[in-house]
Amino acid sequence: MKVAIYCGSSEGNSPDYVKGVEALGVYLAKQGIDVVYGGGNVGLMGVIANATLQAGGRVIGVIPAHLKSKEIAHPGLTELHEVANMHERKAKMAELADAFVALPGGVGTLEEMFEIWTWGQLGLHDKPCAFYNINGFYDPLFAMVDSMHQAGFVKQSYIDMIIKAEAPETLVSAFKTYKAPSPKWC
């Protein structure tokens, strides 16, 4: 199994983010699950890569040429794919991955996760999408999505398709039992 990880190019303000991401990387490696991520060696991107590699796991990076020097491409990855732009990065990560996880991050993390979640709603893939909710980081987002449902913009089945996990074991277990909803217009 290969899991695409979307996360911050910074570590955030709490050491709990680093600890939680390290624990996830170690757990994924011990389960034989490969990490597919943005290829950087900074922030939580570097943390997930380093933790997974140090635990004996495989890490596949996908980095656009224009970010290679800014995000300082990780030199020790199992594989590194250099692509032309962000669109190619997202497409390559989607192609390589069997599941998708958003760790704490910023606008880019949300953009990547929302796009892949939307693709799942449209039936373009049937792979699990998850938020790894360290210290309730995504709780305000979940409240907003519930508000969107209450206002009639998001069906409950598309909220239910999202895995919300606070522990590596819960996350991987949910991947194994995931069943995709019917596509939006079926």
C-alpha atoms as a PDB file:
ATOM      1  CA  MET A   1       0.000   0.000   0.000  1.00  0.00           C
ATOM      2  CA  LYS A   2       1.107   3.564  -0.732  1.00  0.00           C
ATOM      3  CA  VAL A   3      -0.308   6.538   1.164  1.00  0.00           C
ATOM      4  CA  ALA A   4      -0.098  10.085  -0.166  1.00  0.00           C
ATOM      5  CA  ILE A   5       0.642  12.534   2.609  1.00  0.00           C
ATOM      6  CA  TYR A   6      -0.274  16.224   2.341  1.00  0.00           C
ATOM      7  CA  CYS A   7       1.297  18.391   5.046  1.00  0.00           C
ATOM      8  CA  GLY A   8       3.009  21.616   5.959  1.00  0.00           C
ATOM      9  CA  SER A   9       6.379  22.800   4.748  1.00  0.00           C
ATOM     10  CA  SER A  10       6.797  24.172   8.274  1.00  0.00           C
ATOM     11  CA  GLU A  11       6.545  22.331  11.586  1.00  0.00           C
ATOM     12  CA  GLY A  12       3.885  24.552  13.145  1.00  0.00           C
ATOM     13  CA  ASN A  13       3.953  26.043  16.631  1.00  0.00           C
ATOM     14  CA  SER A  14       3.471  22.897  18.704  1.00  0.00           C
ATOM     15  CA  PRO A  15       6.003  20.121  19.228  1.00  0.00           C
ATOM     16  CA  ASP A  16       2.988  17.781  19.291  1.00  0.00           C
ATOM     17  CA  TYR A  17       2.703  18.104  15.505  1.00  0.00           C
ATOM     18  CA  VAL A  18       6.236  16.809  15.040  1.00  0.00           C
ATOM     19  CA  LYS A  19       5.739  14.014  17.583  1.00  0.00           C
ATOM     20  CA  GLY A  20       2.449  12.947  16.003  1.00  0.00           C
ATOM     21  CA  VAL A  21       3.889  12.952  12.481  1.00  0.00           C
ATOM     22  CA  GLU A  22       6.960  11.009  13.616  1.00  0.00           C
ATOM     23  CA  ALA A  23       4.722   8.386  15.223  1.00  0.00           C
ATOM     24  CA  LEU A  24       2.726   8.081  12.011  1.00  0.00           C
ATOM     25  CA  GLY A  25       5.859   7.692   9.868  1.00  0.00           C
ATOM     26  CA  VAL A  26       7.238   4.966  12.119  1.00  0.00           C
ATOM     27  CA  TYR A  27       3.904   3.143  12.189  1.00  0.00           C
ATOM     28  CA  LEU A  28       3.483   3.261   8.412  1.00  0.00           C
ATOM     29  CA  ALA A  29       7.013   1.901   7.930  1.00  0.00           C
ATOM     30  CA  LYS A  30       6.404  -0.932  10.415  1.00  0.00           C
ATOM     31  CA  GLN A  31       3.185  -1.827   8.549  1.00  0.00           C
ATOM     32  CA  GLY A  32       5.034  -1.937   5.205  1.00  0.00           C
ATOM     33  CA  ILE A  33       3.079   1.073   3.902  1.00  0.00           C
ATOM     34  CA  ASP A  34       5.007   3.384   1.574  1.00  0.00           C
ATOM     35  CA  VAL A  35       4.746   7.158   1.907  1.00  0.00           C
ATOM     36  CA  VAL A  36       4.178   9.319  -1.174  1.00  0.00           C
ATOM     37  CA  TYR A  37       4.639  13.012  -0.434  1.00  0.00           C
ATOM     38  CA  GLY A  38       5.803  16.336  -1.843  1.00  0.00           C
ATOM     39  CA  GLY A  39       9.515  15.511  -1.790  1.00  0.00           C
ATOM     40  CA  GLY A  40      10.685  18.308   0.508  1.00  0.00           C
ATOM     41  CA  ASN A  41      13.140  18.099   3.380  1.00  0.00           C
ATOM     42  CA  VAL A  42      11.602  20.913   5.437  1.00  0.00           C
ATOM     43  CA  GLY A  43       8.733  21.203   7.907  1.00  0.00           C
ATOM     44  CA  LEU A  44       6.378  18.313   8.489  1.00  0.00           C
ATOM     45  CA  MET A  45       7.286  17.119   4.994  1.00  0.00           C
ATOM     46  CA  GLY A  46      10.816  16.407   6.197  1.00  0.00           C
ATOM     47  CA  VAL A  47       9.549  14.963   9.469  1.00  0.00           C
ATOM     48  CA  ILE A  48       7.301  12.353   7.802  1.00  0.00           C
ATOM     49  CA  ALA A  49      10.033  11.401   5.326  1.00  0.00           C
ATOM     50  CA  ASN A  50      12.771  11.100   7.939  1.00  0.00           C
ATOM     51  CA  ALA A  51      10.658   9.170  10.448  1.00  0.00           C
ATOM     52  CA  THR A  52       9.504   6.699   7.797  1.00  0.00           C
ATOM     53  CA  LEU A  53      12.991   6.209   6.358  1.00  0.00           C
ATOM     54  CA  GLN A  54      14.628   5.829   9.797  1.00  0.00           C
ATOM     55  CA  ALA A  55      12.079   3.113  10.636  1.00  0.00           C
ATOM     56  CA  GLY A  56      13.028   1.222   7.471  1.00  0.00           C
ATOM     57  CA  GLY A  57      10.144   2.375   5.283  1.00  0.00           C
ATOM     58  CA  ARG A  58      10.000   3.488   1.675  1.00  0.00           C
ATOM     59  CA  VAL A  59       9.380   7.148   0.796  1.00  0.00           C
ATOM     60  CA  ILE A  60       8.547   8.431  -2.665  1.00  0.00           C
ATOM     61  CA  GLY A  61       8.782  12.165  -3.275  1.00  0.00           C
ATOM     62  CA  VAL A  62       7.137  14.172  -6.037  1.00  0.00           C
ATOM     63  CA  ILE A  63       8.462  17.716  -6.360  1.00  0.00           C
ATOM     64  CA  PRO A  64       7.947  20.419  -8.973  1.00  0.00           C
ATOM     65  CA  ALA A  65      11.136  21.846 -10.466  1.00  0.00           C
ATOM     66  CA  HIS A  66      10.367  25.359  -9.168  1.00  0.00           C
ATOM     67  CA  LEU A  67      10.126  24.076  -5.576  1.00  0.00           C
ATOM     68  CA  LYS A  68      13.120  21.772  -5.678  1.00  0.00           C
ATOM     69  CA  SER A  69      15.483  24.407  -4.303  1.00  0.00           C
ATOM     70  CA  LYS A  70      12.904  26.221  -2.099  1.00  0.00           C
ATOM     71  CA  GLU A  71      11.641  23.117  -0.304  1.00  0.00           C
ATOM     72  CA  ILE A  72      15.119  21.643  -0.478  1.00  0.00           C
ATOM     73  CA  ALA A  73      14.403  18.298  -2.109  1.00  0.00           C
ATOM     74  CA  HIS A  74      15.097  15.456   0.296  1.00  0.00           C
ATOM     75  CA  PRO A  75      18.366  13.774  -0.723  1.00  0.00           C
ATOM     76  CA  GLY A  76      17.735  10.379   0.869  1.00  0.00           C
ATOM     77  CA  LEU A  77      14.399   9.237  -0.543  1.00  0.00           C
ATOM     78  CA  THR A  78      13.677   5.833  -1.986  1.00  0.00           C
ATOM     79  CA  GLU A  79      12.493   7.596  -5.154  1.00  0.00           C
ATOM     80  CA  LEU A  80      12.207  11.245  -6.173  1.00  0.00           C
ATOM     81  CA  HIS A  81      10.085  12.282  -9.156  1.00  0.00           C
ATOM     82  CA  GLU A  82      10.702  15.786 -10.473  1.00  0.00           C
ATOM     83  CA  VAL A  83       7.686  17.205 -12.310  1.00  0.00           C
ATOM     84  CA  ALA A  84       7.066  20.443 -14.195  1.00  0.00           C
ATOM     85  CA  ASN A  85       4.433  22.044 -11.944  1.00  0.00           C
ATOM     86  CA  MET A  86       1.945  21.656  -9.086  1.00  0.00           C
ATOM     87  CA  HIS A  87      -0.729  20.144 -11.335  1.00  0.00           C
ATOM     88  CA  GLU A  88       1.652  17.379 -12.372  1.00  0.00           C
ATOM     89  CA  ARG A  89       2.675  16.865  -8.740  1.00  0.00           C
ATOM     90  CA  LYS A  90      -0.909  16.303  -7.632  1.00  0.00           C
ATOM     91  CA  ALA A  91      -1.659  14.026 -10.580  1.00  0.00           C
ATOM     92  CA  LYS A  92       1.471  11.940  -9.995  1.00  0.00           C
ATOM     93  CA  MET A  93       0.766  11.603  -6.289  1.00  0.00           C
ATOM     94  CA  ALA A  94      -2.821  10.557  -7.023  1.00  0.00           C
ATOM     95  CA  GLU A  95      -1.591   8.001  -9.538  1.00  0.00           C
ATOM     96  CA  LEU A  96       0.934   6.497  -7.114  1.00  0.00           C
ATOM     97  CA  ALA A  97      -1.252   6.437  -3.988  1.00  0.00           C
ATOM     98  CA  ASP A  98      -3.824   3.985  -2.680  1.00  0.00           C
ATOM     99  CA  ALA A  99      -5.025   6.408   0.028  1.00  0.00           C
ATOM    100  CA  PHE A 100      -4.639  10.086   0.970  1.00  0.00           C
ATOM    101  CA  VAL A 101      -3.983  11.777   4.314  1.00  0.00           C
ATOM    102  CA  ALA A 102      -3.857  15.439   5.327  1.00  0.00           C
ATOM    103  CA  LEU A 103      -1.577  16.128   8.281  1.00  0.00           C
ATOM    104  CA  PRO A 104      -1.495  19.570   9.866  1.00  0.00           C
ATOM    105  CA  GLY A 105      -0.581  22.171   7.284  1.00  0.00           C
ATOM    106  CA  GLY A 106      -1.638  25.348   5.589  1.00  0.00           C
ATOM    107  CA  VAL A 107      -3.520  26.442   2.516  1.00  0.00           C
ATOM    108  CA  GLY A 108      -1.596  24.135   0.166  1.00  0.00           C
ATOM    109  CA  THR A 109      -2.408  21.120   2.326  1.00  0.00           C
ATOM    110  CA  LEU A 110      -6.101  21.991   2.259  1.00  0.00           C
ATOM    111  CA  GLU A 111      -6.080  22.655  -1.486  1.00  0.00           C
ATOM    112  CA  GLU A 112      -4.517  19.267  -2.213  1.00  0.00           C
ATOM    113  CA  MET A 113      -6.850  17.426   0.141  1.00  0.00           C
ATOM    114  CA  PHE A 114      -9.998  19.182  -1.059  1.00  0.00           C
ATOM    115  CA  GLU A 115      -9.163  18.409  -4.664  1.00  0.00           C
ATOM    116  CA  ILE A 116      -8.615  14.700  -4.007  1.00  0.00           C
ATOM    117  CA  TRP A 117     -11.749  14.575  -1.809  1.00  0.00           C
ATOM    118  CA  THR A 118     -13.728  16.198  -4.637  1.00  0.00           C
ATOM    119  CA  TRP A 119     -12.345  13.651  -7.113  1.00  0.00           C
ATOM    120  CA  GLY A 120     -13.644  10.924  -4.799  1.00  0.00           C
ATOM    121  CA  GLN A 121     -17.106  12.525  -4.698  1.00  0.00           C
ATOM    122  CA  LEU A 122     -17.134  12.632  -8.494  1.00  0.00           C
ATOM    123  CA  GLY A 123     -16.152   8.985  -8.764  1.00  0.00           C
ATOM    124  CA  LEU A 124     -12.754   9.701 -10.313  1.00  0.00           C
ATOM    125  CA  HIS A 125     -11.229   7.418  -7.672  1.00  0.00           C
ATOM    126  CA  ASP A 126     -12.514   5.173  -4.896  1.00  0.00           C
ATOM    127  CA  LYS A 127      -9.550   5.555  -2.547  1.00  0.00           C
ATOM    128  CA  PRO A 128      -9.855   6.585   1.112  1.00  0.00           C
ATOM    129  CA  CYS A 129      -9.249  10.202   2.126  1.00  0.00           C
ATOM    130  CA  ALA A 130      -8.327  11.031   5.715  1.00  0.00           C
ATOM    131  CA  PHE A 131      -7.461  13.839   8.081  1.00  0.00           C
ATOM    132  CA  TYR A 132      -4.852  12.986  10.725  1.00  0.00           C
ATOM    133  CA  ASN A 133      -6.224  15.208  13.456  1.00  0.00           C
ATOM    134  CA  ILE A 134      -3.328  15.864  15.837  1.00  0.00           C
ATOM    135  CA  ASN A 135      -4.567  17.719  18.948  1.00  0.00           C
ATOM    136  CA  GLY A 136      -7.857  18.572  17.250  1.00  0.00           C
ATOM    137  CA  PHE A 137      -6.097  20.591  14.537  1.00  0.00           C
ATOM    138  CA  TYR A 138      -8.883  19.902  12.031  1.00  0.00           C
ATOM    139  CA  ASP A 139     -11.857  20.225  14.418  1.00  0.00           C
ATOM    140  CA  PRO A 140     -12.752  23.748  13.154  1.00  0.00           C
ATOM    141  CA  LEU A 141     -12.654  22.447   9.582  1.00  0.00           C
ATOM    142  CA  PHE A 142     -14.958  19.560  10.476  1.00  0.00           C
ATOM    143  CA  ALA A 143     -17.367  22.063  12.040  1.00  0.00           C
ATOM    144  CA  MET A 144     -17.305  24.109   8.833  1.00  0.00           C
ATOM    145  CA  VAL A 145     -18.009  21.043   6.712  1.00  0.00           C
ATOM    146  CA  ASP A 146     -20.928  20.165   9.000  1.00  0.00           C
ATOM    147  CA  SER A 147     -22.178  23.739   8.536  1.00  0.00           C
ATOM    148  CA  MET A 148     -21.945  23.275   4.753  1.00  0.00           C
ATOM    149  CA  HIS A 149     -24.051  20.125   5.129  1.00  0.00           C
ATOM    150  CA  GLN A 150     -26.642  21.925   7.278  1.00  0.00           C
ATOM    151  CA  ALA A 151     -26.853  24.649   4.615  1.00  0.00           C
ATOM    152  CA  GLY A 152     -27.527  22.028   1.929  1.00  0.00           C
ATOM    153  CA  PHE A 153     -24.195  22.107   0.075  1.00  0.00           C
ATOM    154  CA  VAL A 154     -22.577  18.805   1.111  1.00  0.00           C
ATOM    155  CA  LYS A 155     -24.344  15.456   1.312  1.00  0.00           C
ATOM    156  CA  GLN A 156     -23.838  13.441   4.485  1.00  0.00           C
ATOM    157  CA  SER A 157     -22.430  10.531   2.440  1.00  0.00           C
ATOM    158  CA  TYR A 158     -19.542  12.763   1.314  1.00  0.00           C
ATOM    159  CA  ILE A 159     -18.841  13.856   4.874  1.00  0.00           C
ATOM    160  CA  ASP A 160     -18.949  10.222   5.968  1.00  0.00           C
ATOM    161  CA  MET A 161     -16.407   9.226   3.316  1.00  0.00           C
ATOM    162  CA  ILE A 162     -13.721  11.208   5.136  1.00  0.00           C
ATOM    163  CA  ILE A 163     -11.708   9.304   7.720  1.00  0.00           C
ATOM    164  CA  LYS A 164     -10.924  11.271  10.865  1.00  0.00           C
ATOM    165  CA  ALA A 165      -8.101   9.733  12.882  1.00  0.00           C
ATOM    166  CA  GLU A 166      -5.977  10.782  15.821  1.00  0.00           C
ATOM    167  CA  ALA A 167      -3.799   7.661  16.013  1.00  0.00           C
ATOM    168  CA  PRO A 168      -1.830   5.765  13.366  1.00  0.00           C
ATOM    169  CA  GLU A 169      -3.549   2.475  14.179  1.00  0.00           C
ATOM    170  CA  THR A 170      -7.005   3.986  13.724  1.00  0.00           C
ATOM    171  CA  LEU A 171      -5.982   5.529  10.426  1.00  0.00           C
ATOM    172  CA  VAL A 172      -4.596   2.330   8.895  1.00  0.00           C
ATOM    173  CA  SER A 173      -7.492   0.260  10.219  1.00  0.00           C
ATOM    174  CA  ALA A 174      -9.958   2.664   8.579  1.00  0.00           C
ATOM    175  CA  PHE A 175      -8.091   2.372   5.258  1.00  0.00           C
ATOM    176  CA  LYS A 176      -8.537  -1.394   5.329  1.00  0.00           C
ATOM    177  CA  THR A 177     -12.311  -1.216   5.850  1.00  0.00           C
ATOM    178  CA  TYR A 178     -13.035   1.792   3.612  1.00  0.00           C
ATOM    179  CA  LYS A 179     -15.944   1.634   1.183  1.00  0.00           C
ATOM    180  CA  ALA A 180     -16.365   4.506  -1.256  1.00  0.00           C
ATOM    181  CA  PRO A 181     -19.794   6.158  -1.577  1.00  0.00           C
ATOM    182  CA  SER A 182     -21.653   6.226  -4.870  1.00  0.00           C
ATOM    183  CA  PRO A 183     -20.327   8.950  -7.172  1.00  0.00           C
ATOM    184  CA  LYS A 184     -22.136  12.287  -6.978  1.00  0.00           C
ATOM    185  CA  TRP A 185     -24.355  11.867 -10.025  1.00  0.00           C
ATOM    186  CA  CYS A 186     -25.256   8.188  -9.748  1.00  0.00           C
END
